[in-house]
């Protein structure tokens, strides 16, 4: 899969997250928002010439190591990515549902993240 394909997946996941949010499915919205961020991070890594790890942890570590720690991305992008990972874990694996307000925040953050990766790394 190439960077453009991954970015398309990220955009679709962000759109799906918004739909799930409108139906009141906070857990589902958090899951899709996480995958929007995850796929946008993978696209950014590939587009910038870095290897993409084989696991979620590998991708997330590579994103932090290559694109956030020493730039070109601001630390805020790393924080958004980490927050999404935490909320997705709660949504998918914990017993308590995610609050709708938290899901709304995460979907907005996913849109911000995907837009930033698209603007920074994808060639028009």
PDB file of N, CA and C in Angstrom:
ATOM      1  N   UNK A   1       0.846  -1.173   0.000  1.00  0.00           N
ATOM      2  CA  UNK A   1       0.000   0.000   0.000  1.00  0.00           C
ATOM      3  C   UNK A   1       0.895   1.241   0.000  1.00  0.00           C
ATOM      4  N   UNK A   2       0.544   2.226  -0.808  1.00  0.00           N
ATOM      5  CA  UNK A   2       1.362   3.435  -0.871  1.00  0.00           C
ATOM      6  C   UNK A   2       0.765   4.557  -0.009  1.00  0.00           C
ATOM      7  N   UNK A   3       1.481   5.660   0.076  1.00  0.00           N
ATOM      8  CA  UNK A   3       1.065   6.765   0.935  1.00  0.00           C
ATOM      9  C   UNK A   3      -0.292   7.318   0.529  1.00  0.00           C
ATOM     10  N   UNK A   4      -0.554   7.434  -0.766  1.00  0.00           N
ATOM     11  CA  UNK A   4      -1.846   7.958  -1.209  1.00  0.00           C
ATOM     12  C   UNK A   4      -2.992   7.033  -0.814  1.00  0.00           C
ATOM     13  N   UNK A   5      -2.778   5.730  -0.932  1.00  0.00           N
ATOM     14  CA  UNK A   5      -3.807   4.773  -0.530  1.00  0.00           C
ATOM     15  C   UNK A   5      -4.082   4.861   0.973  1.00  0.00           C
ATOM     16  N   UNK A   6      -3.020   4.987   1.746  1.00  0.00           N
ATOM     17  CA  UNK A   6      -3.184   5.095   3.194  1.00  0.00           C
ATOM     18  C   UNK A   6      -3.889   6.392   3.580  1.00  0.00           C
ATOM     19  N   UNK A   7      -3.570   7.477   2.889  1.00  0.00           N
ATOM     20  CA  UNK A   7      -4.247   8.732   3.186  1.00  0.00           C
ATOM     21  C   UNK A   7      -5.730   8.636   2.819  1.00  0.00           C
ATOM     22  N   UNK A   8      -6.048   7.952   1.730  1.00  0.00           N
ATOM     23  CA  UNK A   8      -7.456   7.748   1.368  1.00  0.00           C
ATOM     24  C   UNK A   8      -8.176   6.953   2.456  1.00  0.00           C
ATOM     25  N   UNK A   9      -7.507   5.936   2.990  1.00  0.00           N
ATOM     26  CA  UNK A   9      -8.087   5.170   4.099  1.00  0.00           C
ATOM     27  C   UNK A   9      -8.304   6.055   5.323  1.00  0.00           C
ATOM     28  N   UNK A  10      -7.344   6.930   5.601  1.00  0.00           N
ATOM     29  CA  UNK A  10      -7.461   7.832   6.745  1.00  0.00           C
ATOM     30  C   UNK A  10      -8.657   8.771   6.576  1.00  0.00           C
ATOM     31  N   UNK A  11      -8.804   9.315   5.398  1.00  0.00           N
ATOM     32  CA  UNK A  11      -9.929  10.217   5.129  1.00  0.00           C
ATOM     33  C   UNK A  11     -11.258   9.487   5.260  1.00  0.00           C
ATOM     34  N   UNK A  12     -11.321   8.249   4.780  1.00  0.00           N
ATOM     35  CA  UNK A  12     -12.551   7.461   4.896  1.00  0.00           C
ATOM     36  C   UNK A  12     -12.858   7.143   6.355  1.00  0.00           C
ATOM     37  N   UNK A  13     -11.841   6.787   7.117  1.00  0.00           N
ATOM     38  CA  UNK A  13     -12.055   6.478   8.534  1.00  0.00           C
ATOM     39  C   UNK A  13     -12.539   7.713   9.288  1.00  0.00           C
ATOM     40  N   UNK A  14     -12.005   8.889   8.965  1.00  0.00           N
ATOM     41  CA  UNK A  14     -12.453  10.127   9.612  1.00  0.00           C
ATOM     42  C   UNK A  14     -13.916  10.413   9.268  1.00  0.00           C
ATOM     43  N   UNK A  15     -14.294  10.178   8.014  1.00  0.00           N
ATOM     44  CA  UNK A  15     -15.688  10.376   7.604  1.00  0.00           C
ATOM     45  C   UNK A  15     -16.604   9.381   8.323  1.00  0.00           C
ATOM     46  N   UNK A  16     -16.161   8.150   8.447  1.00  0.00           N
ATOM     47  CA  UNK A  16     -16.938   7.130   9.156  1.00  0.00           C
ATOM     48  C   UNK A  16     -17.100   7.497  10.630  1.00  0.00           C
ATOM     49  N   UNK A  17     -16.054   8.031  11.228  1.00  0.00           N
ATOM     50  CA  UNK A  17     -16.113   8.441  12.635  1.00  0.00           C
ATOM     51  C   UNK A  17     -17.196   9.497  12.841  1.00  0.00           C
ATOM     52  N   UNK A  18     -17.294  10.446  11.917  1.00  0.00           N
ATOM     53  CA  UNK A  18     -18.314  11.491  12.027  1.00  0.00           C
ATOM     54  C   UNK A  18     -19.720  10.900  11.930  1.00  0.00           C
ATOM     55  N   UNK A  19     -19.894   9.933  11.041  1.00  0.00           N
ATOM     56  CA  UNK A  19     -21.204   9.292  10.893  1.00  0.00           C
ATOM     57  C   UNK A  19     -21.573   8.548  12.174  1.00  0.00           C
ATOM     58  N   UNK A  20     -20.635   7.786  12.707  1.00  0.00           N
ATOM     59  CA  UNK A  20     -20.891   7.049  13.945  1.00  0.00           C
ATOM     60  C   UNK A  20     -21.195   7.995  15.100  1.00  0.00           C
ATOM     61  N   UNK A  21     -20.510   9.107  15.149  1.00  0.00           N
ATOM     62  CA  UNK A  21     -20.755  10.096  16.190  1.00  0.00           C
ATOM     63  C   UNK A  21     -22.184  10.625  16.092  1.00  0.00           C
ATOM     64  N   UNK A  22     -22.639  10.909  14.880  1.00  0.00           N
ATOM     65  CA  UNK A  22     -24.006  11.419  14.686  1.00  0.00           C
ATOM     66  C   UNK A  22     -25.061  10.410  15.127  1.00  0.00           C
ATOM     67  N   UNK A  23     -24.744   9.125  15.061  1.00  0.00           N
ATOM     68  CA  UNK A  23     -25.706   8.104  15.485  1.00  0.00           C
ATOM     69  C   UNK A  23     -25.618   7.816  16.979  1.00  0.00           C
ATOM     70  N   UNK A  24     -24.676   8.469  17.666  1.00  0.00           N
ATOM     71  CA  UNK A  24     -24.519   8.273  19.100  1.00  0.00           C
ATOM     72  C   UNK A  24     -23.593   7.139  19.486  1.00  0.00           C
ATOM     73  N   UNK A  25     -22.898   6.564  18.530  1.00  0.00           N
ATOM     74  CA  UNK A  25     -21.977   5.457  18.798  1.00  0.00           C
ATOM     75  C   UNK A  25     -20.593   6.022  19.134  1.00  0.00           C
ATOM     76  N   UNK A  26     -20.414   6.392  20.386  1.00  0.00           N
ATOM     77  CA  UNK A  26     -19.157   7.016  20.825  1.00  0.00           C
ATOM     78  C   UNK A  26     -17.984   6.049  20.709  1.00  0.00           C
ATOM     79  N   UNK A  27     -18.183   4.794  21.108  1.00  0.00           N
ATOM     80  CA  UNK A  27     -17.091   3.824  21.026  1.00  0.00           C
ATOM     81  C   UNK A  27     -16.667   3.600  19.579  1.00  0.00           C
ATOM     82  N   UNK A  28     -17.635   3.410  18.698  1.00  0.00           N
ATOM     83  CA  UNK A  28     -17.331   3.212  17.283  1.00  0.00           C
ATOM     84  C   UNK A  28     -16.650   4.421  16.673  1.00  0.00           C
ATOM     85  N   UNK A  29     -17.110   5.610  17.061  1.00  0.00           N
ATOM     86  CA  UNK A  29     -16.506   6.843  16.551  1.00  0.00           C
ATOM     87  C   UNK A  29     -15.049   6.946  16.986  1.00  0.00           C
ATOM     88  N   UNK A  30     -14.760   6.576  18.227  1.00  0.00           N
ATOM     89  CA  UNK A  30     -13.373   6.608  18.709  1.00  0.00           C
ATOM     90  C   UNK A  30     -12.505   5.599  17.958  1.00  0.00           C
ATOM     91  N   UNK A  31     -13.047   4.432  17.701  1.00  0.00           N
ATOM     92  CA  UNK A  31     -12.300   3.424  16.953  1.00  0.00           C
ATOM     93  C   UNK A  31     -11.933   3.957  15.576  1.00  0.00           C
ATOM     94  N   UNK A  32     -12.909   4.468  14.839  1.00  0.00           N
ATOM     95  CA  UNK A  32     -12.642   4.956  13.488  1.00  0.00           C
ATOM     96  C   UNK A  32     -11.736   6.192  13.514  1.00  0.00           C
ATOM     97  N   UNK A  33     -11.891   7.058  14.509  1.00  0.00           N
ATOM     98  CA  UNK A  33     -11.016   8.234  14.619  1.00  0.00           C
ATOM     99  C   UNK A  33      -9.575   7.794  14.849  1.00  0.00           C
ATOM    100  N   UNK A  34      -9.386   6.778  15.694  1.00  0.00           N
ATOM    101  CA  UNK A  34      -8.040   6.253  15.910  1.00  0.00           C
ATOM    102  C   UNK A  34      -7.441   5.756  14.599  1.00  0.00           C
ATOM    103  N   UNK A  35      -8.222   4.990  13.837  1.00  0.00           N
ATOM    104  CA  UNK A  35      -7.690   4.460  12.583  1.00  0.00           C
ATOM    105  C   UNK A  35      -7.449   5.555  11.552  1.00  0.00           C
ATOM    106  N   UNK A  36      -8.199   6.634  11.613  1.00  0.00           N
ATOM    107  CA  UNK A  36      -7.910   7.776  10.744  1.00  0.00           C
ATOM    108  C   UNK A  36      -6.525   8.315  11.066  1.00  0.00           C
ATOM    109  N   UNK A  37      -6.239   8.467  12.345  1.00  0.00           N
ATOM    110  CA  UNK A  37      -4.934   8.969  12.783  1.00  0.00           C
ATOM    111  C   UNK A  37      -3.840   7.955  12.454  1.00  0.00           C
ATOM    112  N   UNK A  38      -4.087   6.696  12.737  1.00  0.00           N
ATOM    113  CA  UNK A  38      -3.102   5.644  12.490  1.00  0.00           C
ATOM    114  C   UNK A  38      -2.725   5.583  11.006  1.00  0.00           C
ATOM    115  N   UNK A  39      -3.727   5.567  10.133  1.00  0.00           N
ATOM    116  CA  UNK A  39      -3.436   5.479   8.699  1.00  0.00           C
ATOM    117  C   UNK A  39      -2.791   6.756   8.169  1.00  0.00           C
ATOM    118  N   UNK A  40      -3.173   7.912   8.703  1.00  0.00           N
ATOM    119  CA  UNK A  40      -2.524   9.159   8.298  1.00  0.00           C
ATOM    120  C   UNK A  40      -1.066   9.171   8.747  1.00  0.00           C
ATOM    121  N   UNK A  41      -0.792   8.621   9.925  1.00  0.00           N
ATOM    122  CA  UNK A  41       0.593   8.516  10.404  1.00  0.00           C
ATOM    123  C   UNK A  41       1.402   7.592   9.501  1.00  0.00           C
ATOM    124  N   UNK A  42       0.807   6.465   9.100  1.00  0.00           N
ATOM    125  CA  UNK A  42       1.482   5.551   8.179  1.00  0.00           C
ATOM    126  C   UNK A  42       1.757   6.237   6.841  1.00  0.00           C
ATOM    127  N   UNK A  43       0.780   6.975   6.337  1.00  0.00           N
ATOM    128  CA  UNK A  43       0.957   7.694   5.072  1.00  0.00           C
ATOM    129  C   UNK A  43       2.085   8.708   5.191  1.00  0.00           C
ATOM    130  N   UNK A  44       2.129   9.434   6.303  1.00  0.00           N
ATOM    131  CA  UNK A  44       3.172  10.433   6.508  1.00  0.00           C
ATOM    132  C   UNK A  44       4.553   9.784   6.551  1.00  0.00           C
ATOM    133  N   UNK A  45       4.664   8.652   7.228  1.00  0.00           N
ATOM    134  CA  UNK A  45       5.944   7.947   7.280  1.00  0.00           C
ATOM    135  C   UNK A  45       6.399   7.530   5.887  1.00  0.00           C
ATOM    136  N   UNK A  46       5.504   6.909   5.145  1.00  0.00           N
ATOM    137  CA  UNK A  46       5.870   6.463   3.793  1.00  0.00           C
ATOM    138  C   UNK A  46       6.224   7.650   2.895  1.00  0.00           C
ATOM    139  N   UNK A  47       5.410   8.688   2.938  1.00  0.00           N
ATOM    140  CA  UNK A  47       5.636   9.850   2.080  1.00  0.00           C
ATOM    141  C   UNK A  47       6.950  10.553   2.396  1.00  0.00           C
ATOM    142  N   UNK A  48       7.411  10.421   3.638  1.00  0.00           N
ATOM    143  CA  UNK A  48       8.668  11.061   4.026  1.00  0.00           C
ATOM    144  C   UNK A  48       9.862  10.115   3.923  1.00  0.00           C
ATOM    145  N   UNK A  49       9.640   8.915   3.360  1.00  0.00           N
ATOM    146  CA  UNK A  49      10.740   8.001   3.099  1.00  0.00           C
ATOM    147  C   UNK A  49      11.150   7.113   4.247  1.00  0.00           C
ATOM    148  N   UNK A  50      10.309   7.002   5.258  1.00  0.00           N
ATOM    149  CA  UNK A  50      10.631   6.158   6.416  1.00  0.00           C
ATOM    150  C   UNK A  50       9.894   4.830   6.327  1.00  0.00           C
ATOM    151  N   UNK A  51      10.498   3.822   6.909  1.00  0.00           N
ATOM    152  CA  UNK A  51       9.863   2.512   6.963  1.00  0.00           C
ATOM    153  C   UNK A  51       8.677   2.553   7.916  1.00  0.00           C
ATOM    154  N   UNK A  52       7.663   1.791   7.582  1.00  0.00           N
ATOM    155  CA  UNK A  52       6.483   1.678   8.434  1.00  0.00           C
ATOM    156  C   UNK A  52       6.589   0.361   9.168  1.00  0.00           C
ATOM    157  N   UNK A  53       6.442   0.393  10.479  1.00  0.00           N
ATOM    158  CA  UNK A  53       6.546  -0.820  11.278  1.00  0.00           C
ATOM    159  C   UNK A  53       5.472  -1.833  10.921  1.00  0.00           C
ATOM    160  N   UNK A  54       5.671  -3.049  11.374  1.00  0.00           N
ATOM    161  CA  UNK A  54       4.730  -4.126  11.074  1.00  0.00           C
ATOM    162  C   UNK A  54       3.611  -4.213  12.116  1.00  0.00           C
ATOM    163  N   UNK A  55       3.771  -3.548  13.234  1.00  0.00           N
ATOM    164  CA  UNK A  55       2.770  -3.574  14.306  1.00  0.00           C
ATOM    165  C   UNK A  55       2.293  -2.148  14.586  1.00  0.00           C
ATOM    166  N   UNK A  56       1.178  -2.062  15.312  1.00  0.00           N
ATOM    167  CA  UNK A  56       0.709  -0.731  15.710  1.00  0.00           C
ATOM    168  C   UNK A  56       1.805  -0.009  16.492  1.00  0.00           C
ATOM    169  N   UNK A  57       2.394  -0.700  17.438  1.00  0.00           N
ATOM    170  CA  UNK A  57       3.436  -0.097  18.270  1.00  0.00           C
ATOM    171  C   UNK A  57       4.599   0.360  17.399  1.00  0.00           C
ATOM    172  N   UNK A  58       4.995  -0.456  16.426  1.00  0.00           N
ATOM    173  CA  UNK A  58       6.094  -0.085  15.541  1.00  0.00           C
ATOM    174  C   UNK A  58       5.795   1.164  14.735  1.00  0.00           C
ATOM    175  N   UNK A  59       4.569   1.258  14.209  1.00  0.00           N
ATOM    176  CA  UNK A  59       4.170   2.447  13.452  1.00  0.00           C
ATOM    177  C   UNK A  59       4.183   3.673  14.354  1.00  0.00           C
ATOM    178  N   UNK A  60       3.584   3.538  15.518  1.00  0.00           N
ATOM    179  CA  UNK A  60       3.470   4.688  16.419  1.00  0.00           C
ATOM    180  C   UNK A  60       4.843   5.144  16.918  1.00  0.00           C
ATOM    181  N   UNK A  61       5.720   4.193  17.207  1.00  0.00           N
ATOM    182  CA  UNK A  61       7.074   4.563  17.628  1.00  0.00           C
ATOM    183  C   UNK A  61       7.842   5.228  16.488  1.00  0.00           C
ATOM    184  N   UNK A  62       7.720   4.689  15.273  1.00  0.00           N
ATOM    185  CA  UNK A  62       8.411   5.283  14.127  1.00  0.00           C
ATOM    186  C   UNK A  62       7.899   6.698  13.868  1.00  0.00           C
ATOM    187  N   UNK A  63       6.596   6.897  13.986  1.00  0.00           N
ATOM    188  CA  UNK A  63       6.027   8.228  13.799  1.00  0.00           C
ATOM    189  C   UNK A  63       6.634   9.210  14.800  1.00  0.00           C
ATOM    190  N   UNK A  64       6.672   8.814  16.062  1.00  0.00           N
ATOM    191  CA  UNK A  64       7.250   9.678  17.096  1.00  0.00           C
ATOM    192  C   UNK A  64       8.735   9.918  16.858  1.00  0.00           C
ATOM    193  N   UNK A  65       9.467   8.848  16.566  1.00  0.00           N
ATOM    194  CA  UNK A  65      10.916   8.951  16.395  1.00  0.00           C
ATOM    195  C   UNK A  65      11.310   9.795  15.187  1.00  0.00           C
ATOM    196  N   UNK A  66      10.654   9.574  14.058  1.00  0.00           N
ATOM    197  CA  UNK A  66      11.093  10.198  12.808  1.00  0.00           C
ATOM    198  C   UNK A  66      10.421  11.526  12.483  1.00  0.00           C
ATOM    199  N   UNK A  67       9.190  11.711  12.940  1.00  0.00           N
ATOM    200  CA  UNK A  67       8.456  12.893  12.495  1.00  0.00           C
ATOM    201  C   UNK A  67       8.116  13.889  13.595  1.00  0.00           C
ATOM    202  N   UNK A  68       8.139  13.452  14.859  1.00  0.00           N
ATOM    203  CA  UNK A  68       7.772  14.361  15.943  1.00  0.00           C
ATOM    204  C   UNK A  68       8.969  14.763  16.799  1.00  0.00           C
ATOM    205  N   UNK A  69       9.724  13.795  17.265  1.00  0.00           N
ATOM    206  CA  UNK A  69      10.791  14.069  18.240  1.00  0.00           C
ATOM    207  C   UNK A  69      11.731  15.180  17.771  1.00  0.00           C
ATOM    208  N   UNK A  70      12.200  15.106  16.536  1.00  0.00           N
ATOM    209  CA  UNK A  70      13.117  16.128  16.016  1.00  0.00           C
ATOM    210  C   UNK A  70      12.524  16.864  14.818  1.00  0.00           C
ATOM    211  N   UNK A  71      11.199  16.896  14.745  1.00  0.00           N
ATOM    212  CA  UNK A  71      10.530  17.571  13.640  1.00  0.00           C
ATOM    213  C   UNK A  71      10.392  16.650  12.455  1.00  0.00           C
ATOM    214  N   UNK A  72       9.687  17.032  11.448  1.00  0.00           N
ATOM    215  CA  UNK A  72       9.176  18.366  11.166  1.00  0.00           C
ATOM    216  C   UNK A  72       7.840  18.691  11.826  1.00  0.00           C
ATOM    217  N   UNK A  73       7.239  17.714  12.514  1.00  0.00           N
ATOM    218  CA  UNK A  73       5.917  17.949  13.092  1.00  0.00           C
ATOM    219  C   UNK A  73       6.012  18.496  14.506  1.00  0.00           C
ATOM    220  N   UNK A  74       5.041  19.325  14.885  1.00  0.00           N
ATOM    221  CA  UNK A  74       5.017  19.833  16.260  1.00  0.00           C
ATOM    222  C   UNK A  74       4.660  18.722  17.249  1.00  0.00           C
ATOM    223  N   UNK A  75       5.091  18.875  18.466  1.00  0.00           N
ATOM    224  CA  UNK A  75       4.838  17.890  19.521  1.00  0.00           C
ATOM    225  C   UNK A  75       3.341  17.637  19.704  1.00  0.00           C
ATOM    226  N   UNK A  76       2.515  18.633  19.403  1.00  0.00           N
ATOM    227  CA  UNK A  76       1.068  18.479  19.540  1.00  0.00           C
ATOM    228  C   UNK A  76       0.540  17.307  18.705  1.00  0.00           C
ATOM    229  N   UNK A  77       1.132  17.068  17.549  1.00  0.00           N
ATOM    230  CA  UNK A  77       0.694  15.946  16.716  1.00  0.00           C
ATOM    231  C   UNK A  77       0.980  14.621  17.423  1.00  0.00           C
ATOM    232  N   UNK A  78       2.087  14.544  18.112  1.00  0.00           N
ATOM    233  CA  UNK A  78       2.400  13.353  18.896  1.00  0.00           C
ATOM    234  C   UNK A  78       1.427  13.166  20.046  1.00  0.00           C
ATOM    235  N   UNK A  79       1.050  14.274  20.681  1.00  0.00           N
ATOM    236  CA  UNK A  79       0.084  14.190  21.780  1.00  0.00           C
ATOM    237  C   UNK A  79      -1.289  13.740  21.276  1.00  0.00           C
ATOM    238  N   UNK A  80      -1.718  14.266  20.139  1.00  0.00           N
ATOM    239  CA  UNK A  80      -3.006  13.849  19.571  1.00  0.00           C
ATOM    240  C   UNK A  80      -2.993  12.352  19.262  1.00  0.00           C
ATOM    241  N   UNK A  81      -1.897  11.889  18.683  1.00  0.00           N
ATOM    242  CA  UNK A  81      -1.762  10.477  18.353  1.00  0.00           C
ATOM    243  C   UNK A  81      -1.836   9.604  19.600  1.00  0.00           C
ATOM    244  N   UNK A  82      -1.150  10.010  20.648  1.00  0.00           N
ATOM    245  CA  UNK A  82      -1.119   9.243  21.899  1.00  0.00           C
ATOM    246  C   UNK A  82      -2.493   9.252  22.571  1.00  0.00           C
ATOM    247  N   UNK A  83      -3.146  10.388  22.589  1.00  0.00           N
ATOM    248  CA  UNK A  83      -4.473  10.491  23.188  1.00  0.00           C
ATOM    249  C   UNK A  83      -5.472   9.594  22.440  1.00  0.00           C
ATOM    250  N   UNK A  84      -5.365   9.564  21.121  1.00  0.00           N
ATOM    251  CA  UNK A  84      -6.252   8.718  20.316  1.00  0.00           C
ATOM    252  C   UNK A  84      -6.025   7.245  20.651  1.00  0.00           C
ATOM    253  N   UNK A  85      -4.781   6.858  20.817  1.00  0.00           N
ATOM    254  CA  UNK A  85      -4.462   5.473  21.158  1.00  0.00           C
ATOM    255  C   UNK A  85      -5.101   5.095  22.494  1.00  0.00           C
ATOM    256  N   UNK A  86      -5.005   5.973  23.468  1.00  0.00           N
ATOM    257  CA  UNK A  86      -5.566   5.716  24.798  1.00  0.00           C
ATOM    258  C   UNK A  86      -7.085   5.597  24.738  1.00  0.00           C
ATOM    259  N   UNK A  87      -7.738   6.534  24.050  1.00  0.00           N
ATOM    260  CA  UNK A  87      -9.201   6.496  23.969  1.00  0.00           C
ATOM    261  C   UNK A  87      -9.684   5.289  23.169  1.00  0.00           C
ATOM    262  N   UNK A  88      -8.975   4.939  22.131  1.00  0.00           N
ATOM    263  CA  UNK A  88      -9.363   3.764  21.352  1.00  0.00           C
ATOM    264  C   UNK A  88      -9.265   2.512  22.211  1.00  0.00           C
ATOM    265  N   UNK A  89      -8.238   2.421  23.039  1.00  0.00           N
ATOM    266  CA  UNK A  89      -8.100   1.268  23.917  1.00  0.00           C
ATOM    267  C   UNK A  89      -9.302   1.176  24.854  1.00  0.00           C
ATOM    268  N   UNK A  90      -9.697   2.295  25.425  1.00  0.00           N
ATOM    269  CA  UNK A  90     -10.866   2.317  26.312  1.00  0.00           C
ATOM    270  C   UNK A  90     -12.111   1.900  25.533  1.00  0.00           C
ATOM    271  N   UNK A  91     -12.299   2.475  24.348  1.00  0.00           N
ATOM    272  CA  UNK A  91     -13.487   2.191  23.543  1.00  0.00           C
ATOM    273  C   UNK A  91     -13.568   0.725  23.140  1.00  0.00           C
ATOM    274  N   UNK A  92     -12.440   0.132  22.790  1.00  0.00           N
ATOM    275  CA  UNK A  92     -12.448  -1.226  22.261  1.00  0.00           C
ATOM    276  C   UNK A  92     -12.298  -2.320  23.321  1.00  0.00           C
ATOM    277  N   UNK A  93     -11.646  -2.010  24.452  1.00  0.00           N
ATOM    278  CA  UNK A  93     -11.284  -3.088  25.366  1.00  0.00           C
ATOM    279  C   UNK A  93     -11.761  -2.929  26.803  1.00  0.00           C
ATOM    280  N   UNK A  94     -12.115  -1.731  27.208  1.00  0.00           N
ATOM    281  CA  UNK A  94     -12.548  -1.517  28.584  1.00  0.00           C
ATOM    282  C   UNK A  94     -14.060  -1.720  28.661  1.00  0.00           C
ATOM    283  N   UNK A  95     -14.565  -1.952  29.836  1.00  0.00           N
ATOM    284  CA  UNK A  95     -15.995  -2.195  29.988  1.00  0.00           C
ATOM    285  C   UNK A  95     -16.856  -0.946  29.879  1.00  0.00           C
ATOM    286  N   UNK A  96     -16.348   0.185  30.323  1.00  0.00           N
ATOM    287  CA  UNK A  96     -17.148   1.403  30.327  1.00  0.00           C
ATOM    288  C   UNK A  96     -17.115   2.072  28.963  1.00  0.00           C
ATOM    289  N   UNK A  97     -18.270   2.567  28.500  1.00  0.00           N
ATOM    290  CA  UNK A  97     -18.292   3.258  27.206  1.00  0.00           C
ATOM    291  C   UNK A  97     -17.603   4.623  27.301  1.00  0.00           C
ATOM    292  N   UNK A  98     -17.149   5.095  26.166  1.00  0.00           N
ATOM    293  CA  UNK A  98     -16.553   6.421  26.070  1.00  0.00           C
ATOM    294  C   UNK A  98     -17.683   7.451  26.135  1.00  0.00           C
ATOM    295  N   UNK A  99     -17.464   8.536  26.831  1.00  0.00           N
ATOM    296  CA  UNK A  99     -18.452   9.618  26.875  1.00  0.00           C
ATOM    297  C   UNK A  99     -18.583  10.236  25.489  1.00  0.00           C
ATOM    298  N   UNK A 100     -19.799  10.622  25.124  1.00  0.00           N
ATOM    299  CA  UNK A 100     -20.033  11.217  23.815  1.00  0.00           C
ATOM    300  C   UNK A 100     -19.193  12.477  23.629  1.00  0.00           C
ATOM    301  N   UNK A 101     -19.032  13.265  24.679  1.00  0.00           N
ATOM    302  CA  UNK A 101     -18.221  14.494  24.568  1.00  0.00           C
ATOM    303  C   UNK A 101     -16.756  14.167  24.285  1.00  0.00           C
ATOM    304  N   UNK A 102     -16.255  13.084  24.880  1.00  0.00           N
ATOM    305  CA  UNK A 102     -14.876  12.662  24.603  1.00  0.00           C
ATOM    306  C   UNK A 102     -14.741  12.183  23.161  1.00  0.00           C
ATOM    307  N   UNK A 103     -15.753  11.473  22.685  1.00  0.00           N
ATOM    308  CA  UNK A 103     -15.734  11.002  21.297  1.00  0.00           C
ATOM    309  C   UNK A 103     -15.785  12.194  20.335  1.00  0.00           C
ATOM    310  N   UNK A 104     -16.594  13.189  20.653  1.00  0.00           N
ATOM    311  CA  UNK A 104     -16.663  14.388  19.803  1.00  0.00           C
ATOM    312  C   UNK A 104     -15.299  15.062  19.717  1.00  0.00           C
ATOM    313  N   UNK A 105     -14.630  15.167  20.853  1.00  0.00           N
ATOM    314  CA  UNK A 105     -13.299  15.770  20.877  1.00  0.00           C
ATOM    315  C   UNK A 105     -12.318  14.951  20.038  1.00  0.00           C
ATOM    316  N   UNK A 106     -12.379  13.630  20.166  1.00  0.00           N
ATOM    317  CA  UNK A 106     -11.450  12.777  19.438  1.00  0.00           C
ATOM    318  C   UNK A 106     -11.693  12.832  17.935  1.00  0.00           C
ATOM    319  N   UNK A 107     -12.938  12.872  17.519  1.00  0.00           N
ATOM    320  CA  UNK A 107     -13.240  12.954  16.088  1.00  0.00           C
ATOM    321  C   UNK A 107     -12.709  14.276  15.529  1.00  0.00           C
ATOM    322  N   UNK A 108     -12.881  15.354  16.274  1.00  0.00           N
ATOM    323  CA  UNK A 108     -12.317  16.639  15.847  1.00  0.00           C
ATOM    324  C   UNK A 108     -10.808  16.599  15.770  1.00  0.00           C
ATOM    325  N   UNK A 109     -10.182  15.947  16.735  1.00  0.00           N
ATOM    326  CA  UNK A 109      -8.727  15.834  16.730  1.00  0.00           C
ATOM    327  C   UNK A 109      -8.249  14.976  15.560  1.00  0.00           C
ATOM    328  N   UNK A 110      -9.008  13.942  15.233  1.00  0.00           N
ATOM    329  CA  UNK A 110      -8.639  13.100  14.087  1.00  0.00           C
ATOM    330  C   UNK A 110      -8.700  13.914  12.801  1.00  0.00           C
ATOM    331  N   UNK A 111      -9.721  14.730  12.659  1.00  0.00           N
ATOM    332  CA  UNK A 111      -9.820  15.571  11.467  1.00  0.00           C
ATOM    333  C   UNK A 111      -8.641  16.537  11.381  1.00  0.00           C
ATOM    334  N   UNK A 112      -8.268  17.115  12.511  1.00  0.00           N
ATOM    335  CA  UNK A 112      -7.118  18.025  12.568  1.00  0.00           C
ATOM    336  C   UNK A 112      -5.836  17.290  12.187  1.00  0.00           C
ATOM    337  N   UNK A 113      -5.643  16.106  12.749  1.00  0.00           N
ATOM    338  CA  UNK A 113      -4.445  15.312  12.504  1.00  0.00           C
ATOM    339  C   UNK A 113      -4.343  14.920  11.038  1.00  0.00           C
ATOM    340  N   UNK A 114      -5.424  14.374  10.490  1.00  0.00           N
ATOM    341  CA  UNK A 114      -5.412  13.927   9.095  1.00  0.00           C
ATOM    342  C   UNK A 114      -5.145  15.105   8.170  1.00  0.00           C
ATOM    343  N   UNK A 115      -5.794  16.225   8.422  1.00  0.00           N
ATOM    344  CA  UNK A 115      -5.574  17.416   7.585  1.00  0.00           C
ATOM    345  C   UNK A 115      -4.121  17.878   7.660  1.00  0.00           C
ATOM    346  N   UNK A 116      -3.529  17.832   8.841  1.00  0.00           N
ATOM    347  CA  UNK A 116      -2.136  18.257   9.005  1.00  0.00           C
ATOM    348  C   UNK A 116      -1.183  17.316   8.267  1.00  0.00           C
ATOM    349  N   UNK A 117      -1.424  16.006   8.350  1.00  0.00           N
ATOM    350  CA  UNK A 117      -0.559  15.044   7.643  1.00  0.00           C
ATOM    351  C   UNK A 117      -0.718  15.208   6.128  1.00  0.00           C
ATOM    352  N   UNK A 118      -1.939  15.443   5.698  1.00  0.00           N
ATOM    353  CA  UNK A 118      -2.185  15.624   4.272  1.00  0.00           C
ATOM    354  C   UNK A 118      -1.455  16.869   3.769  1.00  0.00           C
ATOM    355  N   UNK A 119      -1.593  17.962   4.490  1.00  0.00           N
ATOM    356  CA  UNK A 119      -0.963  19.225   4.081  1.00  0.00           C
ATOM    357  C   UNK A 119       0.561  19.130   4.097  1.00  0.00           C
ATOM    358  N   UNK A 120       1.113  18.450   5.078  1.00  0.00           N
ATOM    359  CA  UNK A 120       2.566  18.377   5.255  1.00  0.00           C
ATOM    360  C   UNK A 120       3.248  17.396   4.289  1.00  0.00           C
ATOM    361  N   UNK A 121       2.596  16.246   4.033  1.00  0.00           N
ATOM    362  CA  UNK A 121       3.313  15.161   3.377  1.00  0.00           C
ATOM    363  C   UNK A 121       2.781  14.726   2.017  1.00  0.00           C
ATOM    364  N   UNK A 122       1.562  15.040   1.701  1.00  0.00           N
ATOM    365  CA  UNK A 122       0.988  14.543   0.456  1.00  0.00           C
ATOM    366  C   UNK A 122       1.168  15.576  -0.650  1.00  0.00           C
ATOM    367  N   UNK A 123       1.658  15.117  -1.762  1.00  0.00           N
ATOM    368  CA  UNK A 123       1.875  15.992  -2.910  1.00  0.00           C
ATOM    369  C   UNK A 123       0.585  16.090  -3.696  1.00  0.00           C
ATOM    370  N   UNK A 124       0.225  17.278  -4.040  1.00  0.00           N
ATOM    371  CA  UNK A 124      -1.020  17.496  -4.797  1.00  0.00           C
ATOM    372  C   UNK A 124      -0.829  17.192  -6.259  1.00  0.00           C
TER     373      UNK A 124
END
